[in-house]
Amino acid sequence: MKNIALGQYYPAKSPLHRLDPRIKVLLALIYICAAAFCKNIIGFGVLLVSALLIVALGRIPFKTIFRSLTPVLFVMLFAVFFQVFFTKGDMLLFAWWKLQIYGEGLYLALFTIVRIFTLIIGTSMFLTYTTTPIELTYAIEDLLSPLKKLKVPVHDFAMMMTLALRFIPTLVEEADKIMTAQKARGADFSTGSLVQRAKALKPVLIPLIVSAMRHAVELAVAMECRCYHGDGTRMVVRKCRFSDIAALIVMIIFLAGIIYLNILGLVYTA
C-alpha cells in the first residue's frame, strides 16, 4: 500500500504542468465526459490513445501511473467479473452448468477497464499529478466564484476538496504502518476467505480513523496559529495564455469527436 501514488503531486517540467490550473480543471471535466459518453470500439480506441498521449505530455513515468490504479484494482476486477458472467448476448463462447460467457460480456469487460483507466488518467494527470494543492484550491475557487453571490462558501469548499485529495497518500501510509504493526503482533491479512480478510481489517480501521482525526486536528490548529483565512491576497495571479486556450479548444474538439462517433454508431459494443 505504501507505493500508492494517488493524490500526490509529481514535480516536472512539462506542457501539462505549465497550463493554467483553471484550464486543467476544465480539461479534466471535459475528458471525464468524453470517457462517460464513449460507446463504440473506435471511440474507446481513440480514448485509450489519448490517455497515453496525456501521460507522455505530462512526462510522468508509467510506473507511477500504474501505481495509481492500485486503489481501484478491486473495483476493476469486480466490474470485469460482473460484466463477463452476468451479461447475456448472441455470441455464446463458453457454457458449463449455469455458467455462461458471451462475447458481448467480454467486450463490455474490456471497455469497462478502458473507461476506468482513462477516468483515472484524466483526473490524476490534469489535477493531482501536475497541479499543486494550493493551485488546485485557487482554480476551483475561481471557477465557482459566481456562487459567492449566493453566499456559498466557495473557498472553504475548494479547500476541503483539495485537502481530501492531498491526504489520500498520508492515510495510505498510515494504513500501511498500522498493518505492519499488526502483522508483527501475529495478525494475518492474506489468508482465508474474503469475509475473513474483511473481518481481519477491523483492528486496522479504528487506529486509522483515530489517526485521520489527529491529522485533521493538527492541521486545523496549524491553520489557526497562522491566522489563516480564505479572503487573503494571493501572491500569484494567473492569466490564461494562448497555450491554455488552445488546449481547451483541442479538448472540446475531442469531446465533439467522441459524440460524433456515437452518432455514427460504428461497431456499437457498450
C-alpha atoms as a PDB file:
ATOM      1  CA  MET A   1       0.000   0.000   0.000  1.00  0.00           C
ATOM      2  CA  LYS A   2       2.899   2.389   0.573  1.00  0.00           C
ATOM      3  CA  ASN A   3       3.540   2.538  -3.175  1.00  0.00           C
ATOM      4  CA  ILE A   4       0.149   4.067  -3.935  1.00  0.00           C
ATOM      5  CA  ALA A   5       0.652   7.386  -5.699  1.00  0.00           C
ATOM      6  CA  LEU A   6      -2.928   8.602  -5.968  1.00  0.00           C
ATOM      7  CA  GLY A   7      -3.270  12.210  -4.858  1.00  0.00           C
ATOM      8  CA  GLN A   8       0.431  13.056  -4.958  1.00  0.00           C
ATOM      9  CA  TYR A   9       1.950  15.966  -6.852  1.00  0.00           C
ATOM     10  CA  TYR A  10       4.753  14.963  -9.229  1.00  0.00           C
ATOM     11  CA  PRO A  11       7.123  17.899  -9.911  1.00  0.00           C
ATOM     12  CA  ALA A  12       8.291  18.071 -13.512  1.00  0.00           C
ATOM     13  CA  LYS A  13       8.726  20.483 -16.404  1.00  0.00           C
ATOM     14  CA  SER A  14       6.062  19.521 -18.894  1.00  0.00           C
ATOM     15  CA  PRO A  15       3.381  21.183 -21.033  1.00  0.00           C
ATOM     16  CA  LEU A  16       0.702  19.977 -18.608  1.00  0.00           C
ATOM     17  CA  HIS A  17       2.482  21.443 -15.592  1.00  0.00           C
ATOM     18  CA  ARG A  18       2.668  24.840 -17.305  1.00  0.00           C
ATOM     19  CA  LEU A  19      -1.059  25.023 -18.075  1.00  0.00           C
ATOM     20  CA  ASP A  20      -3.317  27.296 -16.064  1.00  0.00           C
ATOM     21  CA  PRO A  21      -4.837  25.290 -13.151  1.00  0.00           C
ATOM     22  CA  ARG A  22      -8.321  26.583 -14.009  1.00  0.00           C
ATOM     23  CA  ILE A  23      -7.951  25.281 -17.549  1.00  0.00           C
ATOM     24  CA  LYS A  24      -6.726  21.927 -16.229  1.00  0.00           C
ATOM     25  CA  VAL A  25      -9.835  21.547 -14.089  1.00  0.00           C
ATOM     26  CA  LEU A  26     -11.980  22.193 -17.163  1.00  0.00           C
ATOM     27  CA  LEU A  27      -9.878  19.772 -19.212  1.00  0.00           C
ATOM     28  CA  ALA A  28     -10.384  17.080 -16.582  1.00  0.00           C
ATOM     29  CA  LEU A  29     -14.163  17.605 -16.552  1.00  0.00           C
ATOM     30  CA  ILE A  30     -14.373  17.508 -20.363  1.00  0.00           C
ATOM     31  CA  TYR A  31     -12.213  14.387 -20.514  1.00  0.00           C
ATOM     32  CA  ILE A  32     -14.397  12.656 -17.916  1.00  0.00           C
ATOM     33  CA  CYS A  33     -17.454  13.491 -20.034  1.00  0.00           C
ATOM     34  CA  ALA A  34     -15.737  12.033 -23.102  1.00  0.00           C
ATOM     35  CA  ALA A  35     -14.979   8.795 -21.235  1.00  0.00           C
ATOM     36  CA  ALA A  36     -18.571   8.586 -19.988  1.00  0.00           C
ATOM     37  CA  PHE A  37     -20.128   9.266 -23.406  1.00  0.00           C
ATOM     38  CA  CYS A  38     -17.911   6.853 -25.365  1.00  0.00           C
ATOM     39  CA  LYS A  39     -19.934   3.863 -26.621  1.00  0.00           C
ATOM     40  CA  ASN A  40     -18.166   2.166 -29.532  1.00  0.00           C
ATOM     41  CA  ILE A  41     -14.910   0.371 -30.208  1.00  0.00           C
ATOM     42  CA  ILE A  42     -13.417   3.147 -32.339  1.00  0.00           C
ATOM     43  CA  GLY A  43     -14.181   5.733 -29.679  1.00  0.00           C
ATOM     44  CA  PHE A  44     -12.600   3.585 -26.972  1.00  0.00           C
ATOM     45  CA  GLY A  45      -9.512   3.168 -29.137  1.00  0.00           C
ATOM     46  CA  VAL A  46      -9.244   6.935 -29.550  1.00  0.00           C
ATOM     47  CA  LEU A  47      -9.830   7.356 -25.814  1.00  0.00           C
ATOM     48  CA  LEU A  48      -7.035   4.928 -24.932  1.00  0.00           C
ATOM     49  CA  VAL A  49      -4.582   6.578 -27.343  1.00  0.00           C
ATOM     50  CA  SER A  50      -5.451   9.990 -25.914  1.00  0.00           C
ATOM     51  CA  ALA A  51      -4.776   8.747 -22.364  1.00  0.00           C
ATOM     52  CA  LEU A  52      -1.317   7.516 -23.364  1.00  0.00           C
ATOM     53  CA  LEU A  53      -0.663  10.830 -25.120  1.00  0.00           C
ATOM     54  CA  ILE A  54      -1.668  12.759 -21.993  1.00  0.00           C
ATOM     55  CA  VAL A  55       0.748  10.677 -19.907  1.00  0.00           C
ATOM     56  CA  ALA A  56       3.513  11.410 -22.414  1.00  0.00           C
ATOM     57  CA  LEU A  57       2.773  15.155 -22.312  1.00  0.00           C
ATOM     58  CA  GLY A  58       2.874  15.101 -18.510  1.00  0.00           C
ATOM     59  CA  ARG A  59       6.322  13.448 -18.544  1.00  0.00           C
ATOM     60  CA  ILE A  60       5.422  11.192 -15.645  1.00  0.00           C
ATOM     61  CA  PRO A  61       6.781   7.610 -15.566  1.00  0.00           C
ATOM     62  CA  PHE A  62       4.285   4.906 -16.454  1.00  0.00           C
ATOM     63  CA  LYS A  63       5.315   3.068 -13.279  1.00  0.00           C
ATOM     64  CA  THR A  64       3.967   5.957 -11.228  1.00  0.00           C
ATOM     65  CA  ILE A  65       0.749   5.994 -13.247  1.00  0.00           C
ATOM     66  CA  PHE A  66       0.131   2.292 -12.767  1.00  0.00           C
ATOM     67  CA  ARG A  67       0.625   2.685  -9.019  1.00  0.00           C
ATOM     68  CA  SER A  68      -2.416   4.964  -9.088  1.00  0.00           C
ATOM     69  CA  LEU A  69      -4.519   2.037 -10.293  1.00  0.00           C
ATOM     70  CA  THR A  70      -3.833   0.022  -7.136  1.00  0.00           C
ATOM     71  CA  PRO A  71      -6.652   1.560  -5.034  1.00  0.00           C
ATOM     72  CA  VAL A  72      -9.263   0.799  -7.729  1.00  0.00           C
ATOM     73  CA  LEU A  73      -7.938  -2.603  -8.759  1.00  0.00           C
ATOM     74  CA  PHE A  74     -10.613  -4.405  -6.756  1.00  0.00           C
ATOM     75  CA  VAL A  75     -13.329  -2.250  -8.329  1.00  0.00           C
ATOM     76  CA  MET A  76     -11.995  -3.031 -11.796  1.00  0.00           C
ATOM     77  CA  LEU A  77     -11.885  -6.769 -11.111  1.00  0.00           C
ATOM     78  CA  PHE A  78     -15.401  -6.715  -9.681  1.00  0.00           C
ATOM     79  CA  ALA A  79     -16.678  -4.808 -12.725  1.00  0.00           C
ATOM     80  CA  VAL A  80     -14.992  -7.289 -15.068  1.00  0.00           C
ATOM     81  CA  PHE A  81     -16.439 -10.260 -13.170  1.00  0.00           C
ATOM     82  CA  PHE A  82     -19.928  -8.761 -13.258  1.00  0.00           C
ATOM     83  CA  GLN A  83     -19.754  -7.964 -16.991  1.00  0.00           C
ATOM     84  CA  VAL A  84     -18.298 -11.337 -18.021  1.00  0.00           C
ATOM     85  CA  PHE A  85     -20.600 -13.626 -16.053  1.00  0.00           C
ATOM     86  CA  PHE A  86     -23.851 -11.658 -15.964  1.00  0.00           C
ATOM     87  CA  THR A  87     -24.053 -10.177 -19.465  1.00  0.00           C
ATOM     88  CA  LYS A  88     -26.207 -12.083 -21.951  1.00  0.00           C
ATOM     89  CA  GLY A  89     -25.970 -11.877 -25.716  1.00  0.00           C
ATOM     90  CA  ASP A  90     -25.979 -13.783 -29.003  1.00  0.00           C
ATOM     91  CA  MET A  91     -22.300 -14.810 -29.127  1.00  0.00           C
ATOM     92  CA  LEU A  92     -22.010 -17.751 -26.705  1.00  0.00           C
ATOM     93  CA  LEU A  93     -18.345 -18.610 -26.101  1.00  0.00           C
ATOM     94  CA  PHE A  94     -18.457 -20.933 -23.088  1.00  0.00           C
ATOM     95  CA  ALA A  95     -21.168 -22.811 -21.228  1.00  0.00           C
ATOM     96  CA  TRP A  96     -20.907 -25.141 -18.256  1.00  0.00           C
ATOM     97  CA  TRP A  97     -23.774 -25.901 -15.902  1.00  0.00           C
ATOM     98  CA  LYS A  98     -25.283 -22.465 -15.125  1.00  0.00           C
ATOM     99  CA  LEU A  99     -22.123 -20.631 -16.083  1.00  0.00           C
ATOM    100  CA  GLN A 100     -22.283 -18.910 -19.481  1.00  0.00           C
ATOM    101  CA  ILE A 101     -19.838 -16.473 -21.055  1.00  0.00           C
ATOM    102  CA  TYR A 102     -20.847 -14.404 -24.062  1.00  0.00           C
ATOM    103  CA  GLY A 103     -18.721 -12.355 -26.388  1.00  0.00           C
ATOM    104  CA  GLU A 104     -20.733  -9.281 -25.501  1.00  0.00           C
ATOM    105  CA  GLY A 105     -19.712  -9.724 -21.867  1.00  0.00           C
ATOM    106  CA  LEU A 106     -16.019  -9.828 -22.773  1.00  0.00           C
ATOM    107  CA  TYR A 107     -16.429  -6.705 -24.893  1.00  0.00           C
ATOM    108  CA  LEU A 108     -18.118  -4.836 -22.056  1.00  0.00           C
ATOM    109  CA  ALA A 109     -15.489  -6.011 -19.555  1.00  0.00           C
ATOM    110  CA  LEU A 110     -12.686  -4.756 -21.796  1.00  0.00           C
ATOM    111  CA  PHE A 111     -14.329  -1.399 -22.325  1.00  0.00           C
ATOM    112  CA  THR A 112     -15.065  -1.077 -18.598  1.00  0.00           C
ATOM    113  CA  ILE A 113     -11.339  -1.428 -17.885  1.00  0.00           C
ATOM    114  CA  VAL A 114     -10.503   1.150 -20.566  1.00  0.00           C
ATOM    115  CA  ARG A 115     -13.110   3.569 -19.226  1.00  0.00           C
ATOM    116  CA  ILE A 116     -11.891   3.301 -15.609  1.00  0.00           C
ATOM    117  CA  PHE A 117      -8.268   3.608 -16.751  1.00  0.00           C
ATOM    118  CA  THR A 118      -8.957   6.744 -18.765  1.00  0.00           C
ATOM    119  CA  LEU A 119     -11.013   8.279 -15.958  1.00  0.00           C
ATOM    120  CA  ILE A 120      -8.087   7.854 -13.580  1.00  0.00           C
ATOM    121  CA  ILE A 121      -5.688   9.279 -16.172  1.00  0.00           C
ATOM    122  CA  GLY A 122      -7.928  12.275 -16.781  1.00  0.00           C
ATOM    123  CA  THR A 123      -8.304  13.165 -13.103  1.00  0.00           C
ATOM    124  CA  SER A 124      -4.753  12.434 -11.966  1.00  0.00           C
ATOM    125  CA  MET A 125      -2.803  13.880 -14.910  1.00  0.00           C
ATOM    126  CA  PHE A 126      -4.779  17.118 -15.185  1.00  0.00           C
ATOM    127  CA  LEU A 127      -5.249  17.618 -11.434  1.00  0.00           C
ATOM    128  CA  THR A 128      -3.186  15.989  -8.697  1.00  0.00           C
ATOM    129  CA  TYR A 129      -0.020  14.949 -10.582  1.00  0.00           C
ATOM    130  CA  THR A 130       0.546  18.250 -12.390  1.00  0.00           C
ATOM    131  CA  THR A 131      -1.090  20.766 -10.040  1.00  0.00           C
ATOM    132  CA  THR A 132      -0.031  21.696  -6.519  1.00  0.00           C
ATOM    133  CA  PRO A 133      -2.714  21.650  -3.804  1.00  0.00           C
ATOM    134  CA  ILE A 134      -2.754  25.429  -3.406  1.00  0.00           C
ATOM    135  CA  GLU A 135      -3.070  25.968  -7.177  1.00  0.00           C
ATOM    136  CA  LEU A 136      -5.893  23.455  -7.322  1.00  0.00           C
ATOM    137  CA  THR A 137      -7.664  25.246  -4.481  1.00  0.00           C
ATOM    138  CA  TYR A 138      -7.426  28.603  -6.241  1.00  0.00           C
ATOM    139  CA  ALA A 139      -8.555  27.072  -9.543  1.00  0.00           C
ATOM    140  CA  ILE A 140     -11.692  25.508  -8.042  1.00  0.00           C
ATOM    141  CA  GLU A 141     -12.429  28.715  -6.143  1.00  0.00           C
ATOM    142  CA  ASP A 142     -12.129  30.835  -9.306  1.00  0.00           C
ATOM    143  CA  LEU A 143     -14.379  28.529 -11.295  1.00  0.00           C
ATOM    144  CA  LEU A 144     -17.013  28.530  -8.552  1.00  0.00           C
ATOM    145  CA  SER A 145     -16.674  32.263  -7.796  1.00  0.00           C
ATOM    146  CA  PRO A 146     -20.123  33.128  -9.288  1.00  0.00           C
ATOM    147  CA  LEU A 147     -21.656  31.156  -6.404  1.00  0.00           C
ATOM    148  CA  LYS A 148     -20.256  33.701  -3.953  1.00  0.00           C
ATOM    149  CA  LYS A 149     -23.158  35.975  -4.873  1.00  0.00           C
ATOM    150  CA  LEU A 150     -25.441  33.304  -3.403  1.00  0.00           C
ATOM    151  CA  LYS A 151     -23.468  33.342  -0.125  1.00  0.00           C
ATOM    152  CA  VAL A 152     -21.902  29.952  -0.865  1.00  0.00           C
ATOM    153  CA  PRO A 153     -18.557  29.456   0.978  1.00  0.00           C
ATOM    154  CA  VAL A 154     -16.661  28.710  -2.216  1.00  0.00           C
ATOM    155  CA  HIS A 155     -13.168  28.959  -0.757  1.00  0.00           C
ATOM    156  CA  ASP A 156     -13.989  26.605   2.122  1.00  0.00           C
ATOM    157  CA  PHE A 157     -15.484  24.108  -0.307  1.00  0.00           C
ATOM    158  CA  ALA A 158     -12.424  24.265  -2.595  1.00  0.00           C
ATOM    159  CA  MET A 159     -10.056  23.908   0.345  1.00  0.00           C
ATOM    160  CA  MET A 160     -11.887  20.833   1.659  1.00  0.00           C
ATOM    161  CA  MET A 161     -11.751  19.153  -1.747  1.00  0.00           C
ATOM    162  CA  THR A 162      -8.052  19.872  -2.116  1.00  0.00           C
ATOM    163  CA  LEU A 163      -7.176  18.676   1.386  1.00  0.00           C
ATOM    164  CA  ALA A 164      -9.155  15.487   0.810  1.00  0.00           C
ATOM    165  CA  LEU A 165      -7.074  14.720  -2.285  1.00  0.00           C
ATOM    166  CA  ARG A 166      -3.854  15.735  -0.587  1.00  0.00           C
ATOM    167  CA  PHE A 167      -4.355  13.490   2.442  1.00  0.00           C
ATOM    168  CA  ILE A 168      -5.001  10.302   0.453  1.00  0.00           C
ATOM    169  CA  PRO A 169      -1.269   9.384   0.351  1.00  0.00           C
ATOM    170  CA  THR A 170      -0.915  10.256   4.043  1.00  0.00           C
ATOM    171  CA  LEU A 171      -3.779   7.996   5.070  1.00  0.00           C
ATOM    172  CA  VAL A 172      -2.477   5.191   2.847  1.00  0.00           C
ATOM    173  CA  GLU A 173       0.920   5.476   4.504  1.00  0.00           C
ATOM    174  CA  GLU A 174      -0.702   5.403   7.938  1.00  0.00           C
ATOM    175  CA  ALA A 175      -2.711   2.303   6.982  1.00  0.00           C
ATOM    176  CA  ASP A 176       0.477   0.592   5.828  1.00  0.00           C
ATOM    177  CA  LYS A 177       2.223   1.355   9.132  1.00  0.00           C
ATOM    178  CA  ILE A 178      -0.739   0.061  11.140  1.00  0.00           C
ATOM    179  CA  MET A 179      -0.955  -3.139   9.091  1.00  0.00           C
ATOM    180  CA  THR A 180       2.795  -3.707   9.507  1.00  0.00           C
ATOM    181  CA  ALA A 181       2.463  -3.284  13.273  1.00  0.00           C
ATOM    182  CA  GLN A 182      -0.498  -5.670  13.378  1.00  0.00           C
ATOM    183  CA  LYS A 183       1.415  -8.258  11.342  1.00  0.00           C
ATOM    184  CA  ALA A 184       4.288  -8.025  13.820  1.00  0.00           C
ATOM    185  CA  ARG A 185       1.756  -8.948  16.525  1.00  0.00           C
ATOM    186  CA  GLY A 186       0.617 -12.007  14.583  1.00  0.00           C
ATOM    187  CA  ALA A 187      -2.270 -10.614  12.513  1.00  0.00           C
ATOM    188  CA  ASP A 188      -2.916 -12.302   9.169  1.00  0.00           C
ATOM    189  CA  PHE A 189      -4.420 -10.276   6.298  1.00  0.00           C
ATOM    190  CA  SER A 190      -3.539 -12.545   3.356  1.00  0.00           C
ATOM    191  CA  THR A 191      -5.195 -15.884   4.089  1.00  0.00           C
ATOM    192  CA  GLY A 192      -8.759 -17.041   4.467  1.00  0.00           C
ATOM    193  CA  SER A 193     -11.931 -16.203   2.599  1.00  0.00           C
ATOM    194  CA  LEU A 194     -12.938 -12.703   1.537  1.00  0.00           C
ATOM    195  CA  VAL A 195     -15.193 -12.353   4.588  1.00  0.00           C
ATOM    196  CA  GLN A 196     -12.406 -13.485   6.918  1.00  0.00           C
ATOM    197  CA  ARG A 197      -9.982 -10.986   5.399  1.00  0.00           C
ATOM    198  CA  ALA A 198     -12.539  -8.223   5.821  1.00  0.00           C
ATOM    199  CA  LYS A 199     -13.001  -9.128   9.494  1.00  0.00           C
ATOM    200  CA  ALA A 200      -9.220  -9.168   9.946  1.00  0.00           C
ATOM    201  CA  LEU A 201      -9.111  -5.496   8.950  1.00  0.00           C
ATOM    202  CA  LYS A 202     -11.141  -4.428  11.994  1.00  0.00           C
ATOM    203  CA  PRO A 203      -8.000  -3.793  14.120  1.00  0.00           C
ATOM    204  CA  VAL A 204      -6.754  -1.506  11.328  1.00  0.00           C
ATOM    205  CA  LEU A 205      -9.833   0.653  10.829  1.00  0.00           C
ATOM    206  CA  ILE A 206     -10.134   2.079  14.361  1.00  0.00           C
ATOM    207  CA  PRO A 207      -6.474   3.224  14.624  1.00  0.00           C
ATOM    208  CA  LEU A 208      -6.726   4.607  11.083  1.00  0.00           C
ATOM    209  CA  ILE A 209      -9.813   6.672  11.977  1.00  0.00           C
ATOM    210  CA  VAL A 210      -8.079   7.944  15.122  1.00  0.00           C
ATOM    211  CA  SER A 211      -5.010   8.861  13.078  1.00  0.00           C
ATOM    212  CA  ALA A 212      -7.136  10.688  10.497  1.00  0.00           C
ATOM    213  CA  MET A 213      -8.858  12.685  13.237  1.00  0.00           C
ATOM    214  CA  ARG A 214      -5.487  13.538  14.787  1.00  0.00           C
ATOM    215  CA  HIS A 215      -4.149  14.797  11.439  1.00  0.00           C
ATOM    216  CA  ALA A 216      -7.291  16.890  10.956  1.00  0.00           C
ATOM    217  CA  VAL A 217      -6.963  18.484  14.402  1.00  0.00           C
ATOM    218  CA  GLU A 218      -3.251  19.187  13.904  1.00  0.00           C
ATOM    219  CA  LEU A 219      -3.934  20.795  10.526  1.00  0.00           C
ATOM    220  CA  ALA A 220      -6.756  22.924  11.946  1.00  0.00           C
ATOM    221  CA  VAL A 221      -4.540  24.120  14.839  1.00  0.00           C
ATOM    222  CA  ALA A 222      -1.698  24.933  12.437  1.00  0.00           C
ATOM    223  CA  MET A 223      -4.014  26.962  10.203  1.00  0.00           C
ATOM    224  CA  GLU A 224      -5.433  28.846  13.190  1.00  0.00           C
ATOM    225  CA  CYS A 225      -1.957  29.589  14.576  1.00  0.00           C
ATOM    226  CA  ARG A 226      -1.016  31.126  11.223  1.00  0.00           C
ATOM    227  CA  CYS A 227      -4.229  33.188  11.222  1.00  0.00           C
ATOM    228  CA  TYR A 228      -5.324  31.544   8.000  1.00  0.00           C
ATOM    229  CA  HIS A 229      -8.445  32.872   6.305  1.00  0.00           C
ATOM    230  CA  GLY A 230      -9.710  32.437   2.783  1.00  0.00           C
ATOM    231  CA  ASP A 231     -10.070  36.037   1.707  1.00  0.00           C
ATOM    232  CA  GLY A 232      -6.388  36.937   1.710  1.00  0.00           C
ATOM    233  CA  THR A 233      -4.421  38.408  -1.164  1.00  0.00           C
ATOM    234  CA  ARG A 234      -2.759  35.893  -3.480  1.00  0.00           C
ATOM    235  CA  MET A 235       0.937  36.099  -4.193  1.00  0.00           C
ATOM    236  CA  VAL A 236       0.500  34.903  -7.790  1.00  0.00           C
ATOM    237  CA  VAL A 237      -2.335  35.893 -10.099  1.00  0.00           C
ATOM    238  CA  ARG A 238      -2.532  33.627 -13.126  1.00  0.00           C
ATOM    239  CA  LYS A 239      -3.676  34.681 -16.575  1.00  0.00           C
ATOM    240  CA  CYS A 240      -4.745  32.411 -19.410  1.00  0.00           C
ATOM    241  CA  ARG A 241      -2.237  32.211 -22.237  1.00  0.00           C
ATOM    242  CA  PHE A 242      -2.587  31.119 -25.830  1.00  0.00           C
ATOM    243  CA  SER A 243      -1.461  27.572 -24.943  1.00  0.00           C
ATOM    244  CA  ASP A 244      -4.225  27.332 -22.318  1.00  0.00           C
ATOM    245  CA  ILE A 245      -6.947  28.398 -24.754  1.00  0.00           C
ATOM    246  CA  ALA A 246      -5.532  26.080 -27.435  1.00  0.00           C
ATOM    247  CA  ALA A 247      -5.577  23.106 -25.033  1.00  0.00           C
ATOM    248  CA  LEU A 248      -9.189  23.855 -24.091  1.00  0.00           C
ATOM    249  CA  ILE A 249     -10.238  24.080 -27.747  1.00  0.00           C
ATOM    250  CA  VAL A 250      -8.492  20.791 -28.557  1.00  0.00           C
ATOM    251  CA  MET A 251     -10.262  19.045 -25.679  1.00  0.00           C
ATOM    252  CA  ILE A 252     -13.655  20.408 -26.765  1.00  0.00           C
ATOM    253  CA  ILE A 253     -12.995  19.146 -30.299  1.00  0.00           C
ATOM    254  CA  PHE A 254     -12.010  15.783 -28.803  1.00  0.00           C
ATOM    255  CA  LEU A 255     -15.314  15.561 -26.901  1.00  0.00           C
ATOM    256  CA  ALA A 256     -17.239  16.540 -30.032  1.00  0.00           C
ATOM    257  CA  GLY A 257     -15.414  13.802 -31.962  1.00  0.00           C
ATOM    258  CA  ILE A 258     -16.372  11.163 -29.385  1.00  0.00           C
ATOM    259  CA  ILE A 259     -20.016  12.251 -29.545  1.00  0.00           C
ATOM    260  CA  TYR A 260     -19.910  12.210 -33.353  1.00  0.00           C
ATOM    261  CA  LEU A 261     -18.589   8.630 -33.341  1.00  0.00           C
ATOM    262  CA  ASN A 262     -21.513   7.671 -31.104  1.00  0.00           C
ATOM    263  CA  ILE A 263     -23.940   9.230 -33.565  1.00  0.00           C
ATOM    264  CA  LEU A 264     -22.399   7.242 -36.410  1.00  0.00           C
ATOM    265  CA  GLY A 265     -22.905   4.069 -34.363  1.00  0.00           C
ATOM    266  CA  LEU A 266     -19.780   2.370 -35.704  1.00  0.00           C
ATOM    267  CA  VAL A 267     -19.314  -1.112 -34.200  1.00  0.00           C
ATOM    268  CA  TYR A 268     -21.559  -0.496 -31.197  1.00  0.00           C
ATOM    269  CA  THR A 269     -20.400  -2.531 -28.208  1.00  0.00           C
ATOM    270  CA  ALA A 270     -21.056  -0.674 -24.982  1.00  0.00           C
END
